[in-house]
Amino acid sequence: MGTTTPFQYDGFANVFELDENMAYVKDKMEEDIKRYGLCKPEDLATFCSEELFHALHCEYLGVAFGKGLITFEEVAYWGYEMIRQMKAGEASGD
């Protein structure tokens, strides 16, 4: 596997179809959003501030969840792991 992440990063980053120019296919993106919906900040409030939610565009995780690309548990683990690593870096002076 060769990765330290506990889940496929594709489930977080490659949610929407891209065209040959690496741009989102707008009508497919809109269809996906209509079909699966978007996350709201309160959906992830347990481990993600509203500011971070918007900075990372976490609203699109609703589509990733709906498509089965990633689970809530995987996102929660990723979030907590990021926080743990940041705190470890602060403690070591990095």
C-alpha atoms as a PDB file:
ATOM      1  CA  MET A   1       0.000   0.000   0.000  1.00  0.00           C
ATOM      2  CA  GLY A   2       2.833   2.419   0.778  1.00  0.00           C
ATOM      3  CA  THR A   3       0.816   5.085   2.566  1.00  0.00           C
ATOM      4  CA  THR A   4       0.468   6.148   6.182  1.00  0.00           C
ATOM      5  CA  THR A   5      -3.117   7.315   5.792  1.00  0.00           C
ATOM      6  CA  PRO A   6      -5.797   4.983   7.144  1.00  0.00           C
ATOM      7  CA  PHE A   7      -8.013   5.437   4.103  1.00  0.00           C
ATOM      8  CA  GLN A   8      -7.817   6.261   0.419  1.00  0.00           C
ATOM      9  CA  TYR A   9      -7.070   9.953   0.020  1.00  0.00           C
ATOM     10  CA  ASP A  10      -9.103   9.837  -3.214  1.00  0.00           C
ATOM     11  CA  GLY A  11     -12.257   9.715  -1.130  1.00  0.00           C
ATOM     12  CA  PHE A  12     -11.441  13.133   0.222  1.00  0.00           C
ATOM     13  CA  ALA A  13      -9.813  14.813  -2.768  1.00  0.00           C
ATOM     14  CA  ASN A  14     -11.258  13.334  -5.964  1.00  0.00           C
ATOM     15  CA  VAL A  15     -14.975  13.558  -5.346  1.00  0.00           C
ATOM     16  CA  PHE A  16     -16.078  15.041  -8.668  1.00  0.00           C
ATOM     17  CA  GLU A  17     -15.471  14.046 -12.256  1.00  0.00           C
ATOM     18  CA  LEU A  18     -12.828  16.037 -14.141  1.00  0.00           C
ATOM     19  CA  ASP A  19     -12.632  16.766 -17.856  1.00  0.00           C
ATOM     20  CA  GLU A  20      -9.557  16.487 -20.088  1.00  0.00           C
ATOM     21  CA  ASN A  21      -8.384  19.911 -18.827  1.00  0.00           C
ATOM     22  CA  MET A  22      -8.564  18.764 -15.192  1.00  0.00           C
ATOM     23  CA  ALA A  23     -11.569  21.036 -14.564  1.00  0.00           C
ATOM     24  CA  TYR A  24     -14.713  19.889 -12.817  1.00  0.00           C
ATOM     25  CA  VAL A  25     -17.506  18.780 -15.134  1.00  0.00           C
ATOM     26  CA  LYS A  26     -19.987  21.357 -13.848  1.00  0.00           C
ATOM     27  CA  ASP A  27     -23.258  19.597 -14.705  1.00  0.00           C
ATOM     28  CA  LYS A  28     -22.007  16.287 -13.249  1.00  0.00           C
ATOM     29  CA  MET A  29     -20.867  18.132 -10.120  1.00  0.00           C
ATOM     30  CA  GLU A  30     -24.280  19.772  -9.764  1.00  0.00           C
ATOM     31  CA  GLU A  31     -26.003  16.400 -10.275  1.00  0.00           C
ATOM     32  CA  ASP A  32     -23.847  14.813  -7.565  1.00  0.00           C
ATOM     33  CA  ILE A  33     -24.590  17.639  -5.122  1.00  0.00           C
ATOM     34  CA  LYS A  34     -28.306  17.387  -5.842  1.00  0.00           C
ATOM     35  CA  ARG A  35     -28.273  13.605  -5.438  1.00  0.00           C
ATOM     36  CA  TYR A  36     -26.078  13.296  -2.333  1.00  0.00           C
ATOM     37  CA  GLY A  37     -26.239  16.720  -0.671  1.00  0.00           C
ATOM     38  CA  LEU A  38     -23.582  18.740   1.099  1.00  0.00           C
ATOM     39  CA  CYS A  39     -22.273  18.498   4.652  1.00  0.00           C
ATOM     40  CA  LYS A  40     -22.943  21.331   7.065  1.00  0.00           C
ATOM     41  CA  PRO A  41     -20.448  22.622   9.646  1.00  0.00           C
ATOM     42  CA  GLU A  42     -22.527  21.085  12.437  1.00  0.00           C
ATOM     43  CA  ASP A  43     -22.130  17.640  10.816  1.00  0.00           C
ATOM     44  CA  LEU A  44     -18.405  17.743  11.630  1.00  0.00           C
ATOM     45  CA  ALA A  45     -18.472  20.059  14.664  1.00  0.00           C
ATOM     46  CA  THR A  46     -17.194  17.303  16.963  1.00  0.00           C
ATOM     47  CA  PHE A  47     -13.679  17.613  15.575  1.00  0.00           C
ATOM     48  CA  CYS A  48     -13.639  20.502  13.112  1.00  0.00           C
ATOM     49  CA  SER A  49     -14.197  24.215  13.705  1.00  0.00           C
ATOM     50  CA  GLU A  50     -16.477  26.058  11.304  1.00  0.00           C
ATOM     51  CA  GLU A  51     -13.463  28.029  10.060  1.00  0.00           C
ATOM     52  CA  LEU A  52     -11.535  24.843   9.259  1.00  0.00           C
ATOM     53  CA  PHE A  53     -14.653  23.263   7.727  1.00  0.00           C
ATOM     54  CA  HIS A  54     -14.873  26.103   5.207  1.00  0.00           C
ATOM     55  CA  ALA A  55     -11.113  26.348   4.652  1.00  0.00           C
ATOM     56  CA  LEU A  56     -10.968  22.662   3.668  1.00  0.00           C
ATOM     57  CA  HIS A  57     -14.244  22.749   1.691  1.00  0.00           C
ATOM     58  CA  CYS A  58     -15.629  19.961   3.849  1.00  0.00           C
ATOM     59  CA  GLU A  59     -19.135  20.605   2.517  1.00  0.00           C
ATOM     60  CA  TYR A  60     -18.262  18.332  -0.402  1.00  0.00           C
ATOM     61  CA  LEU A  61     -17.723  15.393   1.942  1.00  0.00           C
ATOM     62  CA  GLY A  62     -21.504  14.898   1.733  1.00  0.00           C
ATOM     63  CA  VAL A  63     -21.010  13.813  -1.877  1.00  0.00           C
ATOM     64  CA  ALA A  64     -18.013  11.631  -0.965  1.00  0.00           C
ATOM     65  CA  PHE A  65     -20.067   9.936   1.775  1.00  0.00           C
ATOM     66  CA  GLY A  66     -22.990   9.413  -0.592  1.00  0.00           C
ATOM     67  CA  LYS A  67     -20.798   7.879  -3.286  1.00  0.00           C
ATOM     68  CA  GLY A  68     -19.192   5.566  -0.732  1.00  0.00           C
ATOM     69  CA  LEU A  69     -15.730   7.024  -1.377  1.00  0.00           C
ATOM     70  CA  ILE A  70     -15.056   7.603   2.310  1.00  0.00           C
ATOM     71  CA  THR A  71     -16.801   7.000   5.622  1.00  0.00           C
ATOM     72  CA  PHE A  72     -17.505   9.400   8.449  1.00  0.00           C
ATOM     73  CA  GLU A  73     -15.281   7.260  10.670  1.00  0.00           C
ATOM     74  CA  GLU A  74     -12.366   7.658   8.250  1.00  0.00           C
ATOM     75  CA  VAL A  75     -12.803  11.431   8.151  1.00  0.00           C
ATOM     76  CA  ALA A  76     -13.068  11.562  11.948  1.00  0.00           C
ATOM     77  CA  TYR A  77      -9.887   9.504  12.288  1.00  0.00           C
ATOM     78  CA  TRP A  78      -8.099  11.743   9.791  1.00  0.00           C
ATOM     79  CA  GLY A  79      -9.220  14.859  11.681  1.00  0.00           C
ATOM     80  CA  TYR A  80      -8.160  13.562  15.057  1.00  0.00           C
ATOM     81  CA  GLU A  81      -4.850  12.323  13.631  1.00  0.00           C
ATOM     82  CA  MET A  82      -4.120  15.781  12.183  1.00  0.00           C
ATOM     83  CA  ILE A  83      -4.807  17.384  15.563  1.00  0.00           C
ATOM     84  CA  ARG A  84      -2.611  14.813  17.327  1.00  0.00           C
ATOM     85  CA  GLN A  85       0.279  15.440  14.928  1.00  0.00           C
ATOM     86  CA  MET A  86      -0.070  19.211  15.250  1.00  0.00           C
ATOM     87  CA  LYS A  87       0.017  18.960  19.055  1.00  0.00           C
ATOM     88  CA  ALA A  88       3.031  16.625  18.888  1.00  0.00           C
ATOM     89  CA  GLY A  89       4.811  19.161  16.666  1.00  0.00           C
ATOM     90  CA  GLU A  90       4.055  21.965  19.106  1.00  0.00           C
ATOM     91  CA  ALA A  91       5.364  19.906  22.003  1.00  0.00           C
ATOM     92  CA  SER A  92       8.623  19.152  20.187  1.00  0.00           C
ATOM     93  CA  GLY A  93       9.089  22.749  19.053  1.00  0.00           C
ATOM     94  CA  ASP A  94       8.684  21.979  15.318  1.00  0.00           C
END
